[in-house]
Amino acid sequence: MNILEKLQEILSECKGEDLTITPETTFDELEFDSLDKVDIVMQIEEAFDISLGDNMQLSTVGELIAKIEEAVANK
């Protein structure tokens, strides 16, 4: 399972519905609130065994994928 597929699984679970995402999908389009975002970050960190930090200013799924790839490469 690649990063995009895993993110789609995590985001769908958090939203409670099947989502279709692409690297161009924005988080505004997905309509997650701040508590959802905290939960999502925690799930991502657990799924990929990484730490993303607290101050992520990301607009798109593609930017999140790049952040995950960077964290995986640096662990």
PDB file of N, CA and C in Angstrom:
ATOM      1  N   MET A   1       0.849  -1.177   0.000  1.00  0.00           N
ATOM      2  CA  MET A   1       0.000   0.000   0.000  1.00  0.00           C
ATOM      3  C   MET A   1       0.893   1.239   0.000  1.00  0.00           C
ATOM      4  N   ASN A   2       0.668   2.145  -0.942  1.00  0.00           N
ATOM      5  CA  ASN A   2       1.491   3.345  -0.997  1.00  0.00           C
ATOM      6  C   ASN A   2       0.953   4.426  -0.052  1.00  0.00           C
ATOM      7  N   ILE A   3       1.674   5.533   0.049  1.00  0.00           N
ATOM      8  CA  ILE A   3       1.309   6.587   1.000  1.00  0.00           C
ATOM      9  C   ILE A   3      -0.065   7.158   0.686  1.00  0.00           C
ATOM     10  N   LEU A   4      -0.361   7.424  -0.577  1.00  0.00           N
ATOM     11  CA  LEU A   4      -1.658   7.994  -0.946  1.00  0.00           C
ATOM     12  C   LEU A   4      -2.804   7.058  -0.551  1.00  0.00           C
ATOM     13  N   GLU A   5      -2.633   5.778  -0.808  1.00  0.00           N
ATOM     14  CA  GLU A   5      -3.679   4.808  -0.446  1.00  0.00           C
ATOM     15  C   GLU A   5      -3.886   4.760   1.067  1.00  0.00           C
ATOM     16  N   LYS A   6      -2.787   4.776   1.825  1.00  0.00           N
ATOM     17  CA  LYS A   6      -2.889   4.744   3.283  1.00  0.00           C
ATOM     18  C   LYS A   6      -3.549   6.022   3.793  1.00  0.00           C
ATOM     19  N   LEU A   7      -3.191   7.164   3.220  1.00  0.00           N
ATOM     20  CA  LEU A   7      -3.827   8.420   3.614  1.00  0.00           C
ATOM     21  C   LEU A   7      -5.317   8.403   3.303  1.00  0.00           C
ATOM     22  N   GLN A   8      -5.680   7.863   2.159  1.00  0.00           N
ATOM     23  CA  GLN A   8      -7.093   7.775   1.791  1.00  0.00           C
ATOM     24  C   GLN A   8      -7.848   6.940   2.823  1.00  0.00           C
ATOM     25  N   GLU A   9      -7.228   5.850   3.273  1.00  0.00           N
ATOM     26  CA  GLU A   9      -7.835   4.989   4.288  1.00  0.00           C
ATOM     27  C   GLU A   9      -8.003   5.752   5.610  1.00  0.00           C
ATOM     28  N   ILE A  10      -6.953   6.457   6.048  1.00  0.00           N
ATOM     29  CA  ILE A  10      -6.995   7.201   7.309  1.00  0.00           C
ATOM     30  C   ILE A  10      -8.020   8.330   7.240  1.00  0.00           C
ATOM     31  N   LEU A  11      -7.997   9.093   6.156  1.00  0.00           N
ATOM     32  CA  LEU A  11      -8.915  10.232   6.025  1.00  0.00           C
ATOM     33  C   LEU A  11     -10.365   9.764   5.911  1.00  0.00           C
ATOM     34  N   SER A  12     -10.587   8.673   5.197  1.00  0.00           N
ATOM     35  CA  SER A  12     -11.944   8.127   5.067  1.00  0.00           C
ATOM     36  C   SER A  12     -12.468   7.660   6.421  1.00  0.00           C
ATOM     37  N   GLU A  13     -11.607   6.998   7.183  1.00  0.00           N
ATOM     38  CA  GLU A  13     -12.008   6.521   8.503  1.00  0.00           C
ATOM     39  C   GLU A  13     -12.365   7.696   9.413  1.00  0.00           C
ATOM     40  N   CYS A  14     -11.557   8.743   9.365  1.00  0.00           N
ATOM     41  CA  CYS A  14     -11.796   9.910  10.208  1.00  0.00           C
ATOM     42  C   CYS A  14     -13.090  10.628   9.808  1.00  0.00           C
ATOM     43  N   LYS A  15     -13.333  10.712   8.511  1.00  0.00           N
ATOM     44  CA  LYS A  15     -14.516  11.408   7.999  1.00  0.00           C
ATOM     45  C   LYS A  15     -15.780  10.560   8.138  1.00  0.00           C
ATOM     46  N   GLY A  16     -15.620   9.252   8.234  1.00  0.00           N
ATOM     47  CA  GLY A  16     -16.767   8.367   8.351  1.00  0.00           C
ATOM     48  C   GLY A  16     -17.451   8.089   7.038  1.00  0.00           C
ATOM     49  N   GLU A  17     -16.721   8.294   5.959  1.00  0.00           N
ATOM     50  CA  GLU A  17     -17.240   8.009   4.617  1.00  0.00           C
ATOM     51  C   GLU A  17     -16.072   7.720   3.694  1.00  0.00           C
ATOM     52  N   ASP A  18     -16.355   7.031   2.594  1.00  0.00           N
ATOM     53  CA  ASP A  18     -15.298   6.733   1.624  1.00  0.00           C
ATOM     54  C   ASP A  18     -14.947   7.991   0.848  1.00  0.00           C
ATOM     55  N   LEU A  19     -13.698   8.398   0.964  1.00  0.00           N
ATOM     56  CA  LEU A  19     -13.216   9.568   0.249  1.00  0.00           C
ATOM     57  C   LEU A  19     -12.328   9.132  -0.904  1.00  0.00           C
ATOM     58  N   THR A  20     -12.361   9.897  -1.966  1.00  0.00           N
ATOM     59  CA  THR A  20     -11.423   9.728  -3.056  1.00  0.00           C
ATOM     60  C   THR A  20     -10.545  10.965  -3.056  1.00  0.00           C
ATOM     61  N   ILE A  21      -9.243  10.751  -2.853  1.00  0.00           N
ATOM     62  CA  ILE A  21      -8.319  11.877  -2.789  1.00  0.00           C
ATOM     63  C   ILE A  21      -7.241  11.727  -3.853  1.00  0.00           C
ATOM     64  N   THR A  22      -6.674  12.855  -4.223  1.00  0.00           N
ATOM     65  CA  THR A  22      -5.523  12.913  -5.125  1.00  0.00           C
ATOM     66  C   THR A  22      -4.494  13.826  -4.454  1.00  0.00           C
ATOM     67  N   PRO A  23      -3.275  13.873  -4.962  1.00  0.00           N
ATOM     68  CA  PRO A  23      -2.298  14.810  -4.383  1.00  0.00           C
ATOM     69  C   PRO A  23      -2.767  16.269  -4.454  1.00  0.00           C
ATOM     70  N   GLU A  24      -3.665  16.575  -5.372  1.00  0.00           N
ATOM     71  CA  GLU A  24      -4.154  17.949  -5.528  1.00  0.00           C
ATOM     72  C   GLU A  24      -5.327  18.272  -4.598  1.00  0.00           C
ATOM     73  N   THR A  25      -5.883  17.277  -3.926  1.00  0.00           N
ATOM     74  CA  THR A  25      -7.008  17.499  -3.017  1.00  0.00           C
ATOM     75  C   THR A  25      -6.567  18.422  -1.887  1.00  0.00           C
ATOM     76  N   THR A  26      -7.376  19.453  -1.596  1.00  0.00           N
ATOM     77  CA  THR A  26      -7.046  20.352  -0.493  1.00  0.00           C
ATOM     78  C   THR A  26      -7.771  19.922   0.769  1.00  0.00           C
ATOM     79  N   PHE A  27      -7.207  20.297   1.892  1.00  0.00           N
ATOM     80  CA  PHE A  27      -7.844  19.959   3.162  1.00  0.00           C
ATOM     81  C   PHE A  27      -9.108  20.785   3.373  1.00  0.00           C
ATOM     82  N   ASP A  28      -9.189  21.960   2.749  1.00  0.00           N
ATOM     83  CA  ASP A  28     -10.428  22.746   2.801  1.00  0.00           C
ATOM     84  C   ASP A  28     -11.563  21.993   2.108  1.00  0.00           C
ATOM     85  N   GLU A  29     -11.260  21.338   0.999  1.00  0.00           N
ATOM     86  CA  GLU A  29     -12.277  20.553   0.283  1.00  0.00           C
ATOM     87  C   GLU A  29     -12.802  19.407   1.144  1.00  0.00           C
ATOM     88  N   LEU A  30     -11.943  18.843   1.976  1.00  0.00           N
ATOM     89  CA  LEU A  30     -12.327  17.701   2.800  1.00  0.00           C
ATOM     90  C   LEU A  30     -13.107  18.109   4.049  1.00  0.00           C
ATOM     91  N   GLU A  31     -13.053  19.402   4.384  1.00  0.00           N
ATOM     92  CA  GLU A  31     -13.829  19.981   5.489  1.00  0.00           C
ATOM     93  C   GLU A  31     -13.559  19.320   6.839  1.00  0.00           C
ATOM     94  N   PHE A  32     -12.277  19.160   7.177  1.00  0.00           N
ATOM     95  CA  PHE A  32     -11.901  18.659   8.492  1.00  0.00           C
ATOM     96  C   PHE A  32     -11.751  19.837   9.445  1.00  0.00           C
ATOM     97  N   ASP A  33     -12.230  19.669  10.686  1.00  0.00           N
ATOM     98  CA  ASP A  33     -12.021  20.726  11.672  1.00  0.00           C
ATOM     99  C   ASP A  33     -10.684  20.492  12.379  1.00  0.00           C
ATOM    100  N   SER A  34     -10.330  21.383  13.299  1.00  0.00           N
ATOM    101  CA  SER A  34      -9.012  21.308  13.931  1.00  0.00           C
ATOM    102  C   SER A  34      -8.843  20.035  14.757  1.00  0.00           C
ATOM    103  N   LEU A  35      -9.897  19.565  15.401  1.00  0.00           N
ATOM    104  CA  LEU A  35      -9.790  18.313  16.163  1.00  0.00           C
ATOM    105  C   LEU A  35      -9.578  17.123  15.237  1.00  0.00           C
ATOM    106  N   ASP A  36     -10.249  17.131  14.089  1.00  0.00           N
ATOM    107  CA  ASP A  36     -10.036  16.071  13.098  1.00  0.00           C
ATOM    108  C   ASP A  36      -8.578  16.048  12.656  1.00  0.00           C
ATOM    109  N   LYS A  37      -8.019  17.223  12.432  1.00  0.00           N
ATOM    110  CA  LYS A  37      -6.642  17.311  11.954  1.00  0.00           C
ATOM    111  C   LYS A  37      -5.661  16.748  12.967  1.00  0.00           C
ATOM    112  N   VAL A  38      -5.895  17.014  14.251  1.00  0.00           N
ATOM    113  CA  VAL A  38      -5.035  16.466  15.300  1.00  0.00           C
ATOM    114  C   VAL A  38      -5.117  14.940  15.277  1.00  0.00           C
ATOM    115  N   ASP A  39      -6.327  14.410  15.177  1.00  0.00           N
ATOM    116  CA  ASP A  39      -6.527  12.960  15.126  1.00  0.00           C
ATOM    117  C   ASP A  39      -5.843  12.356  13.902  1.00  0.00           C
ATOM    118  N   ILE A  40      -5.966  13.023  12.772  1.00  0.00           N
ATOM    119  CA  ILE A  40      -5.362  12.544  11.532  1.00  0.00           C
ATOM    120  C   ILE A  40      -3.836  12.483  11.665  1.00  0.00           C
ATOM    121  N   VAL A  41      -3.239  13.534  12.214  1.00  0.00           N
ATOM    122  CA  VAL A  41      -1.783  13.557  12.386  1.00  0.00           C
ATOM    123  C   VAL A  41      -1.341  12.413  13.284  1.00  0.00           C
ATOM    124  N   MET A  42      -2.073  12.182  14.375  1.00  0.00           N
ATOM    125  CA  MET A  42      -1.722  11.089  15.281  1.00  0.00           C
ATOM    126  C   MET A  42      -1.820   9.741  14.572  1.00  0.00           C
ATOM    127  N   GLN A  43      -2.846   9.544  13.773  1.00  0.00           N
ATOM    128  CA  GLN A  43      -2.988   8.281  13.038  1.00  0.00           C
ATOM    129  C   GLN A  43      -1.886   8.104  12.006  1.00  0.00           C
ATOM    130  N   ILE A  44      -1.525   9.189  11.334  1.00  0.00           N
ATOM    131  CA  ILE A  44      -0.452   9.123  10.331  1.00  0.00           C
ATOM    132  C   ILE A  44       0.876   8.782  11.006  1.00  0.00           C
ATOM    133  N   GLU A  45       1.158   9.451  12.130  1.00  0.00           N
ATOM    134  CA  GLU A  45       2.409   9.179  12.839  1.00  0.00           C
ATOM    135  C   GLU A  45       2.489   7.723  13.273  1.00  0.00           C
ATOM    136  N   GLU A  46       1.374   7.182  13.738  1.00  0.00           N
ATOM    137  CA  GLU A  46       1.349   5.781  14.157  1.00  0.00           C
ATOM    138  C   GLU A  46       1.492   4.837  12.961  1.00  0.00           C
ATOM    139  N   ALA A  47       0.776   5.123  11.881  1.00  0.00           N
ATOM    140  CA  ALA A  47       0.784   4.238  10.711  1.00  0.00           C
ATOM    141  C   ALA A  47       2.159   4.165  10.051  1.00  0.00           C
ATOM    142  N   PHE A  48       2.879   5.287  10.028  1.00  0.00           N
ATOM    143  CA  PHE A  48       4.173   5.330   9.345  1.00  0.00           C
ATOM    144  C   PHE A  48       5.356   5.310  10.319  1.00  0.00           C
ATOM    145  N   ASP A  49       5.074   5.250  11.630  1.00  0.00           N
ATOM    146  CA  ASP A  49       6.103   5.252  12.666  1.00  0.00           C
ATOM    147  C   ASP A  49       7.048   6.440  12.494  1.00  0.00           C
ATOM    148  N   ILE A  50       6.446   7.640  12.432  1.00  0.00           N
ATOM    149  CA  ILE A  50       7.198   8.874  12.245  1.00  0.00           C
ATOM    150  C   ILE A  50       6.655   9.936  13.194  1.00  0.00           C
ATOM    151  N   SER A  51       7.346  11.069  13.262  1.00  0.00           N
ATOM    152  CA  SER A  51       6.862  12.243  13.989  1.00  0.00           C
ATOM    153  C   SER A  51       6.793  13.399  12.998  1.00  0.00           C
ATOM    154  N   LEU A  52       5.622  14.020  12.915  1.00  0.00           N
ATOM    155  CA  LEU A  52       5.442  15.108  11.961  1.00  0.00           C
ATOM    156  C   LEU A  52       5.600  16.481  12.593  1.00  0.00           C
ATOM    157  N   GLY A  53       5.622  16.574  13.909  1.00  0.00           N
ATOM    158  CA  GLY A  53       5.740  17.867  14.568  1.00  0.00           C
ATOM    159  C   GLY A  53       4.387  18.544  14.699  1.00  0.00           C
ATOM    160  N   ASP A  54       4.399  19.721  15.299  1.00  0.00           N
ATOM    161  CA  ASP A  54       3.157  20.403  15.630  1.00  0.00           C
ATOM    162  C   ASP A  54       2.749  21.495  14.648  1.00  0.00           C
ATOM    163  N   ASN A  55       3.677  22.077  13.955  1.00  0.00           N
ATOM    164  CA  ASN A  55       3.379  23.259  13.147  1.00  0.00           C
ATOM    165  C   ASN A  55       3.372  22.972  11.658  1.00  0.00           C
ATOM    166  N   MET A  56       2.467  22.118  11.240  1.00  0.00           N
ATOM    167  CA  MET A  56       2.374  21.807   9.823  1.00  0.00           C
ATOM    168  C   MET A  56       1.364  22.737   9.177  1.00  0.00           C
ATOM    169  N   GLN A  57       1.802  23.499   8.217  1.00  0.00           N
ATOM    170  CA  GLN A  57       0.927  24.377   7.455  1.00  0.00           C
ATOM    171  C   GLN A  57       0.817  23.812   6.041  1.00  0.00           C
ATOM    172  N   LEU A  58      -0.040  22.829   5.882  1.00  0.00           N
ATOM    173  CA  LEU A  58      -0.176  22.142   4.604  1.00  0.00           C
ATOM    174  C   LEU A  58      -1.537  22.440   4.001  1.00  0.00           C
ATOM    175  N   SER A  59      -1.565  22.613   2.690  1.00  0.00           N
ATOM    176  CA  SER A  59      -2.820  22.911   1.999  1.00  0.00           C
ATOM    177  C   SER A  59      -3.372  21.715   1.245  1.00  0.00           C
ATOM    178  N   THR A  60      -2.467  20.858   0.744  1.00  0.00           N
ATOM    179  CA  THR A  60      -2.916  19.762  -0.108  1.00  0.00           C
ATOM    180  C   THR A  60      -2.420  18.410   0.398  1.00  0.00           C
ATOM    181  N   VAL A  61      -3.061  17.374  -0.078  1.00  0.00           N
ATOM    182  CA  VAL A  61      -2.646  16.004   0.239  1.00  0.00           C
ATOM    183  C   VAL A  61      -1.221  15.772  -0.284  1.00  0.00           C
ATOM    184  N   GLY A  62      -0.898  16.325  -1.437  1.00  0.00           N
ATOM    185  CA  GLY A  62       0.449  16.176  -1.996  1.00  0.00           C
ATOM    186  C   GLY A  62       1.524  16.738  -1.084  1.00  0.00           C
ATOM    187  N   GLU A  63       1.239  17.881  -0.448  1.00  0.00           N
ATOM    188  CA  GLU A  63       2.196  18.461   0.496  1.00  0.00           C
ATOM    189  C   GLU A  63       2.364  17.548   1.710  1.00  0.00           C
ATOM    190  N   LEU A  64       1.272  16.931   2.158  1.00  0.00           N
ATOM    191  CA  LEU A  64       1.343  15.995   3.278  1.00  0.00           C
ATOM    192  C   LEU A  64       2.153  14.760   2.896  1.00  0.00           C
ATOM    193  N   ILE A  65       1.955  14.260   1.695  1.00  0.00           N
ATOM    194  CA  ILE A  65       2.726  13.107   1.221  1.00  0.00           C
ATOM    195  C   ILE A  65       4.224  13.438   1.234  1.00  0.00           C
ATOM    196  N   ALA A  66       4.588  14.627   0.764  1.00  0.00           N
ATOM    197  CA  ALA A  66       5.991  15.031   0.750  1.00  0.00           C
ATOM    198  C   ALA A  66       6.549  15.102   2.173  1.00  0.00           C
ATOM    199  N   LYS A  67       5.754  15.603   3.106  1.00  0.00           N
ATOM    200  CA  LYS A  67       6.173  15.681   4.518  1.00  0.00           C
ATOM    201  C   LYS A  67       6.371  14.285   5.103  1.00  0.00           C
ATOM    202  N   ILE A  68       5.478  13.370   4.778  1.00  0.00           N
ATOM    203  CA  ILE A  68       5.603  11.990   5.247  1.00  0.00           C
ATOM    204  C   ILE A  68       6.850  11.345   4.654  1.00  0.00           C
ATOM    205  N   GLU A  69       7.070  11.513   3.352  1.00  0.00           N
ATOM    206  CA  GLU A  69       8.251  10.941   2.695  1.00  0.00           C
ATOM    207  C   GLU A  69       9.527  11.467   3.330  1.00  0.00           C
ATOM    208  N   GLU A  70       9.550  12.767   3.646  1.00  0.00           N
ATOM    209  CA  GLU A  70      10.724  13.388   4.282  1.00  0.00           C
ATOM    210  C   GLU A  70      10.955  12.788   5.673  1.00  0.00           C
ATOM    211  N   ALA A  71       9.884  12.632   6.443  1.00  0.00           N
ATOM    212  CA  ALA A  71      10.006  12.086   7.798  1.00  0.00           C
ATOM    213  C   ALA A  71      10.455  10.625   7.762  1.00  0.00           C
ATOM    214  N   VAL A  72       9.945   9.860   6.816  1.00  0.00           N
ATOM    215  CA  VAL A  72      10.347   8.455   6.680  1.00  0.00           C
ATOM    216  C   VAL A  72      11.817   8.361   6.296  1.00  0.00           C
ATOM    217  N   ALA A  73      12.254   9.216   5.398  1.00  0.00           N
ATOM    218  CA  ALA A  73      13.648   9.207   4.945  1.00  0.00           C
ATOM    219  C   ALA A  73      14.610   9.600   6.058  1.00  0.00           C
ATOM    220  N   ASN A  74      14.149  10.457   6.977  1.00  0.00           N
ATOM    221  CA  ASN A  74      15.018  10.977   8.043  1.00  0.00           C
ATOM    222  C   ASN A  74      14.973  10.160   9.328  1.00  0.00           C
ATOM    223  N   LYS A  75      14.206   9.069   9.349  1.00  0.00           N
ATOM    224  CA  LYS A  75      14.140   8.317  10.621  1.00  0.00           C
ATOM    225  C   LYS A  75      15.195   7.254  10.725  1.00  0.00           C
TER     226      LYS A  75
END
